[in-house]
Amino acid sequence: MEVSVVKHENMQKNYLQKLECLRKLLYSRLPQLESQNLCQIMSRLAHFHYNKKKYFMVGFEQELYNLLIENSYNPYTIYRWLLLERLPEDIMFQVKQQKMSQKLALTEASKRRHEGFKELTESIREYGIHLIKRM
């Protein structure tokens, strides 16, 4: 008894190459997608994929979701790839060198974004206190 296993053509590629292949497929099948923000759309599709009872989709998003499922793509995975694409260069380098997992990289990038806001609010608060003292 012989069992043949057919691997997906993208199995050995990294996530950036997979994402590029997916974009070519999406833009060839759905040309109206180019003018829209893919990350926001994929966020909605990713949440729909796991919580179908809470969300309702029609039209373009439903068509995109069906295309992804037909081509064996998990919408949540694609959303994660899009988030990974926006990582800072140093974190991206660590992910490529496999010194940091994708999940940890997303967490670290989120921390950095929020730390920047925290420092900004502290500096604004200090500036306000200095203004009040001078009055």
Protein backbone atom coordinates (compact mmCIF):
# COMPACT_ATOMS: atom_id res chain seq x y z
CA MET A 1 0.00 0.00 0.00
CA GLU A 2 1.59 3.24 -1.16
CA VAL A 3 0.59 6.58 0.26
CA SER A 4 1.46 9.64 -1.76
CA VAL A 5 1.63 12.98 -0.04
CA VAL A 6 1.26 16.11 -2.11
CA LYS A 7 2.85 19.10 -0.48
CA HIS A 8 1.57 22.58 -1.03
CA GLU A 9 3.85 24.51 -3.41
CA ASN A 10 4.56 27.14 -0.74
CA MET A 11 5.56 24.68 1.99
CA GLN A 12 9.31 25.45 1.99
CA LYS A 13 9.09 29.23 1.54
CA ASN A 14 9.31 31.76 4.34
CA TYR A 15 6.32 33.89 5.21
CA LEU A 16 7.43 36.88 3.11
CA GLN A 17 7.64 34.75 -0.03
CA LYS A 18 4.30 33.13 0.78
CA LEU A 19 2.74 36.55 1.28
CA GLU A 20 4.08 37.76 -2.06
CA CYS A 21 2.63 34.69 -3.85
CA LEU A 22 -0.69 35.30 -2.10
CA ARG A 23 -0.74 38.96 -3.13
CA LYS A 24 -0.18 38.00 -6.77
CA LEU A 25 -3.07 35.54 -6.55
CA LEU A 26 -5.38 38.04 -4.84
CA TYR A 27 -4.60 40.93 -7.18
CA SER A 28 -5.04 38.74 -10.26
CA ARG A 29 -8.42 37.39 -9.09
CA LEU A 30 -9.71 40.49 -7.28
CA PRO A 31 -8.33 43.64 -8.95
CA GLN A 32 -10.49 45.93 -6.77
CA LEU A 33 -8.46 44.80 -3.76
CA GLU A 34 -5.44 46.93 -4.72
CA SER A 35 -7.11 50.17 -3.67
CA GLN A 36 -8.10 48.88 -0.23
CA ASN A 37 -6.09 48.25 2.92
CA LEU A 38 -5.37 44.53 2.94
CA CYS A 39 -4.38 44.43 6.62
CA GLN A 40 -7.72 45.82 7.83
CA ILE A 41 -9.69 43.46 5.61
CA MET A 42 -7.63 40.47 6.74
CA SER A 43 -8.20 41.46 10.37
CA ARG A 44 -11.96 41.20 9.86
CA LEU A 45 -11.61 37.92 7.95
CA ALA A 46 -9.33 36.45 10.62
CA HIS A 47 -11.79 37.21 13.38
CA PHE A 48 -14.67 35.93 11.26
CA HIS A 49 -12.78 32.68 10.63
CA TYR A 50 -12.78 31.76 14.32
CA ASN A 51 -16.01 33.46 15.48
CA LYS A 52 -18.48 32.81 12.68
CA LYS A 53 -21.44 33.13 15.03
CA LYS A 54 -20.54 36.71 15.99
CA TYR A 55 -19.83 38.09 12.52
CA PHE A 56 -21.73 38.28 9.25
CA MET A 57 -20.02 38.78 5.89
CA VAL A 58 -21.37 39.52 2.46
CA GLY A 59 -20.10 40.79 -0.86
CA PHE A 60 -16.42 41.43 -1.43
CA GLU A 61 -15.21 40.14 1.94
CA GLN A 62 -17.14 36.89 1.53
CA GLU A 63 -15.66 36.46 -1.96
CA LEU A 64 -12.14 37.06 -0.61
CA TYR A 65 -12.71 34.65 2.28
CA ASN A 66 -13.92 31.91 -0.08
CA LEU A 67 -10.89 32.45 -2.35
CA LEU A 68 -8.52 32.05 0.59
CA ILE A 69 -10.21 28.89 1.83
CA GLU A 70 -10.27 27.38 -1.68
CA ASN A 71 -6.50 27.91 -1.94
CA SER A 72 -5.81 26.45 1.53
CA TYR A 73 -4.91 29.71 3.26
CA ASN A 74 -5.92 30.39 6.85
CA PRO A 75 -7.09 34.03 7.08
CA TYR A 76 -5.66 34.41 10.58
CA THR A 77 -2.23 33.21 9.43
CA ILE A 78 -2.27 35.70 6.57
CA TYR A 79 -3.24 38.48 8.97
CA ARG A 80 -0.30 37.50 11.19
CA TRP A 81 2.04 37.59 8.15
CA LEU A 82 0.83 41.10 7.33
CA LEU A 83 1.55 42.19 10.89
CA LEU A 84 5.00 40.58 10.73
CA GLU A 85 5.70 42.50 7.54
CA ARG A 86 5.41 45.78 9.48
CA LEU A 87 7.94 44.84 12.18
CA PRO A 88 10.92 47.08 12.94
CA GLU A 89 14.09 46.06 11.09
CA ASP A 90 15.99 44.72 14.11
CA ILE A 91 13.13 42.46 15.17
CA MET A 92 12.61 41.35 11.56
CA PHE A 93 16.30 40.41 11.37
CA GLN A 94 15.99 38.26 14.50
CA VAL A 95 12.95 36.48 13.08
CA LYS A 96 14.77 35.79 9.80
CA GLN A 97 17.75 34.41 11.74
CA GLN A 98 15.30 32.28 13.76
CA LYS A 99 16.52 33.79 17.03
CA MET A 100 12.99 34.99 17.84
CA SER A 101 9.63 33.36 17.20
CA GLN A 102 6.96 35.16 15.19
CA LYS A 103 4.66 35.34 18.19
CA LEU A 104 7.37 36.83 20.41
CA ALA A 105 8.29 39.29 17.64
CA LEU A 106 4.70 40.56 17.43
CA THR A 107 4.59 40.93 21.21
CA GLU A 108 7.90 42.82 21.28
CA ALA A 109 6.80 45.17 18.49
CA SER A 110 3.55 45.87 20.33
CA LYS A 111 5.47 46.67 23.53
CA ARG A 112 7.71 49.08 21.64
CA ARG A 113 4.74 50.88 20.11
CA HIS A 114 3.09 51.30 23.49
CA GLU A 115 6.32 52.34 25.23
CA GLY A 116 6.66 55.16 22.73
CA PHE A 117 3.19 56.43 23.62
CA LYS A 118 3.89 56.08 27.34
CA GLU A 119 7.09 58.15 27.09
CA LEU A 120 5.29 60.76 25.02
CA THR A 121 2.48 61.15 27.55
CA GLU A 122 4.99 61.44 30.40
CA SER A 123 6.90 64.18 28.58
CA ILE A 124 3.65 66.07 27.86
CA ARG A 125 2.68 65.76 31.53
CA GLU A 126 6.07 67.08 32.67
CA TYR A 127 5.82 69.95 30.19
CA GLY A 128 2.38 70.82 31.55
CA ILE A 129 3.66 70.77 35.14
CA HIS A 130 6.54 73.10 34.17
CA LEU A 131 4.08 75.49 32.50
CA ILE A 132 1.90 75.56 35.60
CA LYS A 133 4.90 76.19 37.88
CA ARG A 134 5.98 79.14 35.75
CA MET A 135 2.58 80.82 36.11
